Protein backbone atom coordinates (compact mmCIF):
# COMPACT_ATOMS: atom_id res chain seq x y z
CA MET A 1 0.08 0.13 -0.12
CA ALA A 2 1.32 3.53 -0.72
CA LEU A 3 0.93 6.17 2.16
CA VAL A 4 -0.80 9.24 0.88
CA VAL A 5 -0.93 12.78 3.07
CA GLN A 6 -3.59 14.86 2.62
CA LYS A 7 -4.71 18.44 3.79
CA TYR A 8 -7.90 20.41 3.58
CA GLY A 9 -8.39 23.66 4.26
CA GLY A 10 -11.01 25.77 6.15
CA SER A 11 -13.12 26.39 3.13
CA SER A 12 -13.21 22.85 2.11
CA VAL A 13 -14.83 21.74 5.74
CA ALA A 14 -16.79 25.11 6.26
CA ASP A 15 -20.04 23.21 6.64
CA ALA A 16 -21.42 19.87 7.06
CA ASP A 17 -21.93 19.10 3.19
CA LYS A 18 -18.64 20.09 2.43
CA ILE A 19 -17.35 17.86 5.20
CA LYS A 20 -19.34 15.00 3.80
CA ASN A 21 -18.00 15.69 0.16
CA VAL A 22 -14.55 15.56 1.66
CA ALA A 23 -15.34 12.34 3.56
CA ARG A 24 -16.09 11.06 -0.13
CA ARG A 25 -13.00 12.13 -1.59
CA ILE A 26 -11.12 10.36 1.21
CA ALA A 27 -12.93 7.04 0.87
CA ALA A 28 -11.90 7.44 -3.05
CA THR A 29 -8.32 7.52 -2.20
CA ARG A 30 -8.59 4.84 0.33
CA ASP A 31 -10.37 2.82 -2.37
CA LYS A 32 -7.06 3.20 -4.37
CA ASP A 33 -5.37 0.94 -2.15
CA ASN A 34 -3.74 3.94 -0.07
CA ASP A 35 -3.21 4.21 3.50
CA VAL A 36 -4.58 7.82 4.15
CA VAL A 37 -3.37 10.33 6.77
CA VAL A 38 -5.35 13.58 6.81
CA THR A 39 -4.71 16.90 7.91
CA VAL A 40 -7.64 19.46 8.28
CA SER A 41 -8.05 23.09 9.38
CA ALA A 42 -10.79 24.65 11.39
CA MET A 43 -14.18 25.12 9.59
CA GLY A 44 -14.55 28.15 7.77
CA ASP A 45 -13.70 31.44 9.21
CA THR A 46 -13.81 29.89 13.06
CA THR A 47 -10.13 31.06 14.01
CA ASP A 48 -11.00 34.47 13.05
CA ASP A 49 -14.14 34.29 14.95
CA LEU A 50 -12.56 32.99 17.88
CA LEU A 51 -10.01 35.83 17.82
CA GLU A 52 -13.00 38.14 17.85
CA LEU A 53 -14.03 36.66 21.19
CA VAL A 54 -10.61 37.07 22.39
CA ALA A 55 -10.79 40.60 21.63
CA GLN A 56 -14.25 41.24 23.33
CA VAL A 57 -12.70 39.58 26.47
CA THR A 58 -9.21 41.54 26.75
CA SER A 59 -7.09 43.84 24.73
CA HIS A 60 -3.91 41.80 26.16
CA PRO A 61 -4.42 38.05 26.12
CA SER A 62 -2.22 35.50 27.36
CA PRO A 63 -0.64 33.93 24.20
CA ARG A 64 -0.71 30.49 25.98
CA GLU A 65 -4.45 30.89 26.59
CA VAL A 66 -4.91 31.94 23.00
CA ASP A 67 -3.24 28.95 21.69
CA ALA A 68 -5.58 26.73 23.95
CA LEU A 69 -8.49 28.22 22.39
CA LEU A 70 -7.53 28.32 18.89
CA SER A 71 -6.38 24.73 18.85
CA THR A 72 -10.12 23.73 19.39
CA GLY A 73 -11.22 24.95 15.92
CA GLU A 74 -8.99 22.06 14.51
CA GLN A 75 -10.36 19.57 17.25
CA GLN A 76 -14.21 20.33 15.80
CA SER A 77 -13.30 19.56 12.35
CA MET A 78 -11.27 16.67 12.65
CA ALA A 79 -13.93 15.00 14.89
CA LEU A 80 -16.88 15.80 12.54
CA LEU A 81 -14.57 14.52 9.51
CA THR A 82 -14.00 11.44 11.13
CA MET A 83 -17.55 10.53 11.99
CA ALA A 84 -18.51 11.39 8.56
CA ILE A 85 -15.66 8.86 7.09
CA GLN A 86 -17.16 6.46 9.36
CA HIS A 87 -20.64 6.71 8.75
CA MET A 88 -19.57 5.76 5.19
CA GLY A 89 -18.19 2.47 6.74
CA TYR A 90 -14.57 3.37 6.70
CA PRO A 91 -12.41 2.63 9.71
CA ALA A 92 -11.05 6.12 11.15
CA ILE A 93 -9.60 7.85 13.98
CA SER A 94 -9.06 11.53 14.86
CA LEU A 95 -5.96 12.50 16.74
CA THR A 96 -4.82 16.02 18.03
CA GLY A 97 -1.63 17.31 17.31
CA VAL A 98 -0.60 16.35 20.62
CA GLN A 99 -1.51 12.81 20.14
CA ALA A 100 -0.06 12.58 16.71
CA GLY A 101 3.17 13.47 18.46
CA ILE A 102 4.03 16.90 16.65
CA LYS A 103 6.47 18.58 19.15
CA THR A 104 7.41 22.38 18.48
CA ASP A 105 9.39 24.94 20.21
CA THR A 106 7.38 27.47 22.79
CA ALA A 107 6.69 30.26 20.50
CA HIS A 108 3.04 30.85 21.04
CA ARG A 109 0.90 31.79 17.90
CA ARG A 110 4.10 31.06 15.65
CA ALA A 111 5.53 27.72 16.70
CA ARG A 112 7.65 26.02 14.59
CA ILE A 113 7.62 22.09 14.67
CA LEU A 114 10.85 20.77 16.17
CA GLN A 115 9.91 17.04 15.53
CA ILE A 116 7.35 14.36 14.99
CA ASP A 117 6.89 11.07 16.64
CA PRO A 118 4.81 9.25 14.28
CA LYS A 119 4.46 6.04 16.54
CA ARG A 120 0.81 6.48 17.11
CA ILE A 121 -0.05 7.44 13.48
CA ARG A 122 1.93 4.24 12.45
CA ARG A 123 -0.26 2.09 14.83
CA GLU A 124 -3.64 3.48 13.59
CA LEU A 125 -2.47 2.70 10.14
CA GLU A 126 -1.44 -0.94 11.20
CA LYS A 127 -5.06 -1.13 12.52
CA ASP A 128 -6.19 -0.23 8.75
CA ASN A 129 -7.68 3.15 10.25
CA ILE A 130 -7.89 6.25 8.00
CA VAL A 131 -5.95 8.70 10.36
CA ILE A 132 -7.27 12.43 10.54
CA VAL A 133 -4.95 14.80 12.47
CA ALA A 134 -5.95 18.30 13.63
CA GLY A 135 -3.53 20.56 11.91
CA PHE A 136 -2.08 23.94 12.91
CA GLN A 137 -1.14 22.66 16.52
CA GLY A 138 1.48 20.66 18.58
CA ILE A 139 2.86 20.97 22.19
CA SER A 140 5.79 22.45 23.26
CA GLU A 141 8.77 21.31 25.56
CA GLY A 142 7.22 22.56 28.53
CA GLU A 143 3.73 20.73 27.40
CA ASP A 144 1.93 23.79 26.35
CA ILE A 145 -0.56 23.67 23.33
CA THR A 146 1.08 25.68 20.91
CA THR A 147 -0.11 26.82 17.21
CA LEU A 148 1.70 27.25 14.00
CA GLY A 149 0.45 30.75 12.65
CA ARG A 150 -1.86 31.22 9.70
CA GLY A 151 -1.60 28.54 7.10
CA GLY A 152 0.10 26.27 9.64
CA SER A 153 -1.99 22.98 8.54
CA ASP A 154 -0.13 23.10 5.41
CA THR A 155 3.18 22.70 7.59
CA THR A 156 1.50 20.10 9.72
CA ALA A 157 0.47 17.92 6.65
CA VAL A 158 4.01 18.20 4.84
CA ALA A 159 5.98 17.58 8.01
CA LEU A 160 3.81 14.38 8.69
CA ALA A 161 4.35 13.36 4.97
CA GLY A 162 8.07 13.85 5.57
CA SER A 163 8.44 11.77 8.93
CA LEU A 164 6.22 9.12 7.45
CA GLU A 165 8.10 8.94 4.14
CA ALA A 166 4.61 9.24 2.28
CA GLU A 167 4.51 8.84 -1.51
CA VAL A 168 3.23 12.41 -1.95
CA CYS A 169 1.37 15.33 0.02
CA GLN A 170 -1.94 16.77 -1.51
CA ILE A 171 -2.94 20.16 -0.30
CA TYR A 172 -6.67 20.69 -1.03
CA THR A 173 -8.06 24.12 -0.99
CA ASP A 174 -10.57 26.57 -2.80
CA VAL A 175 -8.24 27.19 -5.68
CA GLU A 176 -7.07 24.66 -8.55
CA GLY A 177 -3.45 25.29 -7.89
CA VAL A 178 -0.59 27.60 -8.33
CA TYR A 179 -1.51 30.44 -10.88
CA THR A 180 0.93 32.95 -12.58
CA ALA A 181 -0.88 35.84 -10.31
CA ASP A 182 -3.77 35.97 -8.31
CA PRO A 183 -6.73 34.98 -10.79
CA ARG A 184 -8.99 37.52 -8.60
CA ILE A 185 -6.59 40.57 -9.76
CA VAL A 186 -5.45 39.04 -13.02
CA PRO A 187 -8.33 37.19 -14.93
CA GLU A 188 -6.21 36.01 -17.67
CA ALA A 189 -3.79 34.37 -14.97
CA ARG A 190 -2.65 30.92 -15.88
CA ARG A 191 -2.39 27.38 -13.39
CA LEU A 192 0.84 26.28 -13.50
CA ASP A 193 1.32 22.42 -13.77
CA GLU A 194 4.00 22.55 -12.14
CA ILE A 195 6.75 24.42 -10.11
CA GLY A 196 9.91 23.87 -8.16
CA TYR A 197 10.71 24.17 -4.55
CA ASP A 198 12.73 27.46 -4.99
CA GLU A 199 10.36 29.38 -7.04
CA MET A 200 7.38 28.37 -5.01
CA LEU A 201 9.24 29.22 -1.67
CA GLU A 202 9.82 32.82 -3.19
CA LEU A 203 6.25 33.22 -4.29
CA ALA A 204 4.71 31.95 -0.75
CA VAL A 205 7.08 34.06 1.09
CA GLN A 206 6.37 37.22 -1.26
CA GLY A 207 2.47 36.87 -0.83
CA ALA A 208 1.17 34.04 -2.71
CA LYS A 209 -1.15 32.59 -0.42
CA VAL A 210 -1.66 29.18 -1.83
CA MET A 211 1.15 27.64 0.09
CA HIS A 212 2.50 28.81 3.54
CA PRO A 213 6.23 29.10 3.33
CA ARG A 214 7.30 26.62 5.85
CA ALA A 215 5.37 24.02 4.25
CA VAL A 216 7.61 24.42 1.03
CA GLU A 217 10.40 24.30 2.95
CA VAL A 218 9.93 21.08 4.70
CA GLY A 219 8.86 19.54 1.09
CA GLU A 220 12.02 20.54 -0.17
CA LEU A 221 14.02 19.30 2.73
CA PHE A 222 12.33 15.53 2.72
CA ASN A 223 11.94 15.95 -0.99
CA ILE A 224 7.98 15.22 -0.81
CA PRO A 225 6.34 16.32 -3.90
CA ILE A 226 3.30 18.59 -2.94
CA LEU A 227 0.39 18.59 -5.16
CA VAL A 228 -1.76 21.88 -4.60
CA ALA A 229 -5.31 21.27 -6.11
CA SER A 230 -9.24 22.25 -5.33
CA SER A 231 -11.25 20.09 -3.15
CA PHE A 232 -14.46 21.10 -5.41
CA THR A 233 -13.30 20.04 -8.84
CA ASP A 234 -11.25 17.33 -10.38
CA SER A 235 -8.60 20.03 -11.37
CA PRO A 236 -5.37 18.36 -12.06
CA GLY A 237 -3.48 21.10 -9.85
CA THR A 238 0.09 22.06 -9.48
CA LEU A 239 2.87 19.98 -8.70
CA ILE A 240 5.76 21.27 -6.50
CA HIS A 241 8.64 19.18 -6.76
CA GLY A 242 12.70 19.28 -7.50
CA GLY A 243 14.20 19.27 -10.73
CA VAL A 244 11.78 21.32 -12.99
CA SER A 245 13.62 22.47 -16.00
CA MET A 246 13.93 26.10 -16.65
CA GLU A 247 15.41 25.98 -20.23
CA VAL A 248 11.95 25.96 -21.96
CA ARG A 249 9.76 28.05 -20.57
CA ASN A 250 9.36 31.61 -19.62
CA LYS A 251 11.94 32.90 -17.34
CA VAL A 252 9.66 34.83 -14.91
CA ARG A 253 7.11 32.24 -13.33
CA GLY A 254 4.83 34.41 -11.53
CA ILE A 255 3.88 37.61 -10.06
CA ALA A 256 3.33 37.76 -5.85
CA HIS A 257 1.77 40.40 -3.98
CA ASP A 258 1.45 41.24 -0.35
CA LEU A 259 -0.36 44.03 1.50
CA ASP A 260 0.68 42.94 5.01
CA VAL A 261 3.58 45.30 5.02
CA ALA A 262 4.73 47.97 7.22
CA LYS A 263 7.98 50.17 6.83
CA VAL A 264 9.89 51.37 9.89
CA THR A 265 12.84 53.74 9.56
CA VAL A 266 15.22 54.63 12.26
CA VAL A 267 16.45 58.32 11.41
CA GLY A 268 19.70 59.96 12.01
CA VAL A 269 21.63 56.65 13.26
CA PRO A 270 25.41 56.89 14.17
CA ASP A 271 27.26 54.88 11.54
CA ARG A 272 29.50 52.96 13.49
CA PRO A 273 30.10 49.12 14.19
CA GLY A 274 27.57 47.12 16.25
CA ILE A 275 24.66 49.78 15.61
CA ALA A 276 22.74 47.19 13.19
CA ALA A 277 23.33 44.50 15.59
CA ALA A 278 21.68 46.68 18.63
CA ILE A 279 18.45 47.58 16.41
CA PHE A 280 18.20 43.91 15.17
CA GLU A 281 18.73 41.47 17.87
CA PRO A 282 16.32 42.72 20.51
CA LEU A 283 13.83 42.15 17.25
CA ALA A 284 15.06 38.60 16.80
CA ALA A 285 14.63 37.95 20.42
CA ALA A 286 10.93 38.97 20.03
CA ASN A 287 10.42 36.68 17.65
CA ILE A 288 9.71 39.53 15.07
CA SER A 289 10.74 38.71 11.76
CA VAL A 290 12.23 41.43 9.55
CA ASP A 291 12.20 41.41 5.73
CA THR A 292 13.71 44.26 3.46
CA ILE A 293 16.58 45.98 5.09
CA VAL A 294 17.91 48.97 3.79
CA GLN A 295 20.73 51.66 4.60
CA ASN A 296 21.21 55.05 3.40
CA ALA A 297 24.55 56.04 2.37
CA SER A 298 26.48 57.64 5.47
CA ILE A 299 26.66 61.35 5.33
CA ASP A 300 29.10 63.07 8.38
CA ASN A 301 28.76 59.34 10.10
CA ILE A 302 24.83 59.60 9.97
CA THR A 303 22.42 57.32 8.04
CA ASP A 304 18.99 56.30 8.08
CA LEU A 305 18.15 52.47 8.14
CA THR A 306 15.06 51.21 7.14
CA PHE A 307 13.31 47.77 7.20
CA THR A 308 9.90 46.18 6.75
CA VAL A 309 7.82 44.05 8.91
CA SER A 310 4.16 42.60 8.92
CA ARG A 311 1.48 45.10 9.88
CA GLY A 312 0.53 42.88 12.70
CA GLN A 313 3.81 43.00 14.32
CA LEU A 314 4.24 46.70 14.18
CA GLU A 315 2.91 48.07 17.52
CA GLU A 316 5.08 45.37 18.94
CA VAL A 317 7.88 46.47 16.56
CA MET A 318 7.99 49.89 17.77
CA GLU A 319 7.65 49.36 21.17
CA VAL A 320 10.92 47.45 20.99
CA ILE A 321 12.65 50.17 18.40
CA LYS A 322 11.66 53.26 20.46
CA PRO A 323 13.92 52.62 23.45
CA ILE A 324 16.75 51.49 21.08
CA THR A 325 16.44 54.61 19.39
CA GLN A 326 17.41 56.81 22.25
CA GLU A 327 20.06 54.33 23.47
CA ILE A 328 21.73 54.48 20.19
CA GLY A 329 21.49 58.12 19.95
CA ALA A 330 19.52 58.37 16.77
CA ARG A 331 17.12 61.25 16.07
CA GLU A 332 13.56 59.52 15.94
CA CYS A 333 11.98 56.35 14.51
CA VAL A 334 9.17 56.60 12.02
CA SER A 335 6.62 54.18 10.66
CA ASP A 336 4.27 53.77 7.43
CA ALA A 337 1.74 50.78 7.44
CA THR A 338 0.07 51.99 4.05
CA LEU A 339 2.44 49.86 1.99
CA GLY A 340 2.37 46.85 -0.29
CA LYS A 341 4.87 44.82 -2.18
CA VAL A 342 4.93 43.13 -5.83
CA SER A 343 7.51 40.80 -6.77
CA ILE A 344 8.44 38.83 -10.07
CA VAL A 345 9.91 35.38 -9.38
CA GLY A 346 11.68 32.60 -11.68
CA THR A 347 14.82 30.80 -11.55
CA GLY A 348 15.44 31.59 -15.17
CA MET A 349 16.23 34.94 -14.02
CA GLN A 350 19.71 34.06 -12.35
CA ASN A 351 22.09 34.40 -15.39
CA MET A 352 19.99 36.70 -18.14
CA PRO A 353 19.93 40.43 -17.60
CA GLY A 354 17.19 42.94 -18.31
CA PHE A 355 14.69 41.79 -15.88
CA ALA A 356 15.01 44.65 -13.44
CA ALA A 357 15.02 47.07 -16.12
CA ARG A 358 11.70 45.60 -17.60
CA MET A 359 10.20 45.80 -14.33
CA PHE A 360 10.82 49.15 -13.46
CA SER A 361 9.82 50.44 -16.78
CA ALA A 362 6.28 48.24 -16.49
CA LEU A 363 5.81 50.06 -13.06
CA SER A 364 7.09 53.57 -14.50
CA GLU A 365 4.54 53.54 -17.16
CA LYS A 366 1.68 53.02 -14.71
CA GLY A 367 2.91 55.95 -12.26
CA ILE A 368 3.88 53.79 -9.69
CA ASN A 369 6.74 54.88 -7.39
CA ILE A 370 9.22 52.62 -5.91
CA GLN A 371 10.31 53.14 -2.33
CA LEU A 372 12.39 50.08 -1.70
CA ILE A 373 13.81 47.33 -3.94
CA ALA A 374 15.17 43.59 -2.62
CA THR A 375 16.48 41.09 -4.67
CA SER A 376 17.32 37.46 -4.70
CA GLU A 377 18.92 34.98 -7.34
CA ILE A 378 15.56 34.33 -8.66
CA ARG A 379 13.14 37.36 -7.15
CA ILE A 380 13.06 41.15 -7.34
CA THR A 381 10.65 42.90 -5.00
CA CYS A 382 9.50 46.31 -5.23
CA ILE A 383 7.61 48.03 -1.86
CA ILE A 384 5.16 50.52 -3.27
CA ASP A 385 1.90 52.19 -2.07
CA GLU A 386 -0.86 50.02 -1.23
CA ALA A 387 -2.91 51.69 -3.45
CA LYS A 388 -1.09 50.80 -6.45
CA VAL A 389 -0.41 47.04 -6.10
CA LYS A 390 -3.41 45.62 -8.02
CA ASP A 391 -2.34 47.76 -11.06
CA ALA A 392 1.72 46.84 -10.48
CA VAL A 393 0.62 43.01 -10.32
CA ARG A 394 -1.62 43.42 -13.90
CA ALA A 395 1.34 45.59 -15.33
CA LEU A 396 4.18 43.08 -14.64
CA HIS A 397 1.83 39.94 -15.71
CA ARG A 398 1.51 41.81 -19.06
CA ALA A 399 5.19 42.89 -19.26
CA PHE A 400 6.34 39.38 -18.95
CA GLU A 401 3.61 38.15 -21.05
CA LEU A 402 2.84 35.32 -18.32
CA ASP A 403 -0.47 34.87 -20.01
CA VAL A 404 1.09 33.05 -22.97
CA GLY A 405 1.92 29.19 -22.13
CA ASP A 406 5.59 27.90 -21.77
């Protein structure tokens, strides 16, 4: 028997009828002589609803208790899905993240998986059970329930596939695969049949919501093929894997965008060794992820240092940075939460010139001002006004002719 790991997102299990539909899909996979392990998200908007309740109770909730609350969403859907499968006559059992052996670090609301002990899952598979695992959660070394952050069920599924040495991890959601851009913004965007881990990781990090970045990292680590497909149609989806050829296709594979961007600038920073560490080490200690970093040229040993973070962390960032600004003798610290970013991604960009110029020209023609620029070997990102992001995505999709097949 081959082992298949599947994941179903919140929209796929949003109500009883959809849960029954997912149960039928799981049963069909089992009927093909497969062992099946399934990771499931909370139903519909359950997580958001629970967070709204938290806000009504307190403005400063304990992260530990928030995790204890949010983990119940996935437990509801795992139990209901298991019941639906059992009603169809198939043996099935549900397991929480703790019962499934998912061990994490102690960073509540954004914990990372440290290891998975799959012994309990293997025992249930040996009993011929379909195993339904609550996504998005685990247990810390201190035996507290933790959650993995938005999209964490993707990471749960791929990590389980790696630890169980599954043949494939199938991520089922409300989209039919990975597209050249968000089809809600660019109607002519194309679904990609396949994409490499590196390209998918860049797209995910830069804002493509179809896959969580950590899930892609884990997939590459274990070399697990990841299929992204719709739970509502029979579309073949997009296969994420290694070894995708870059020579016979468009060098730019996709356009990613993100509106969750805030800019922080420390103004009048003394330009001396150790200043950057004094700023960024406390942010790292607070589990704050920094994205783009730009330092202006020094004039009279004074410079400005700018970086971006997610908007949801801006208040926390400013609480950390403002005292440091005074300690290092900088003039002030200012922020801007009205920004977005747009990126072009493709491994074929590595050894060919002209992509940056083409990108900047396309944005200029639409009157879009670039505030910051960041690059990697296979990606160019521009920080721009959030109101211009959709126009930028459309302009870049046309400029790189992504509506045309490879």
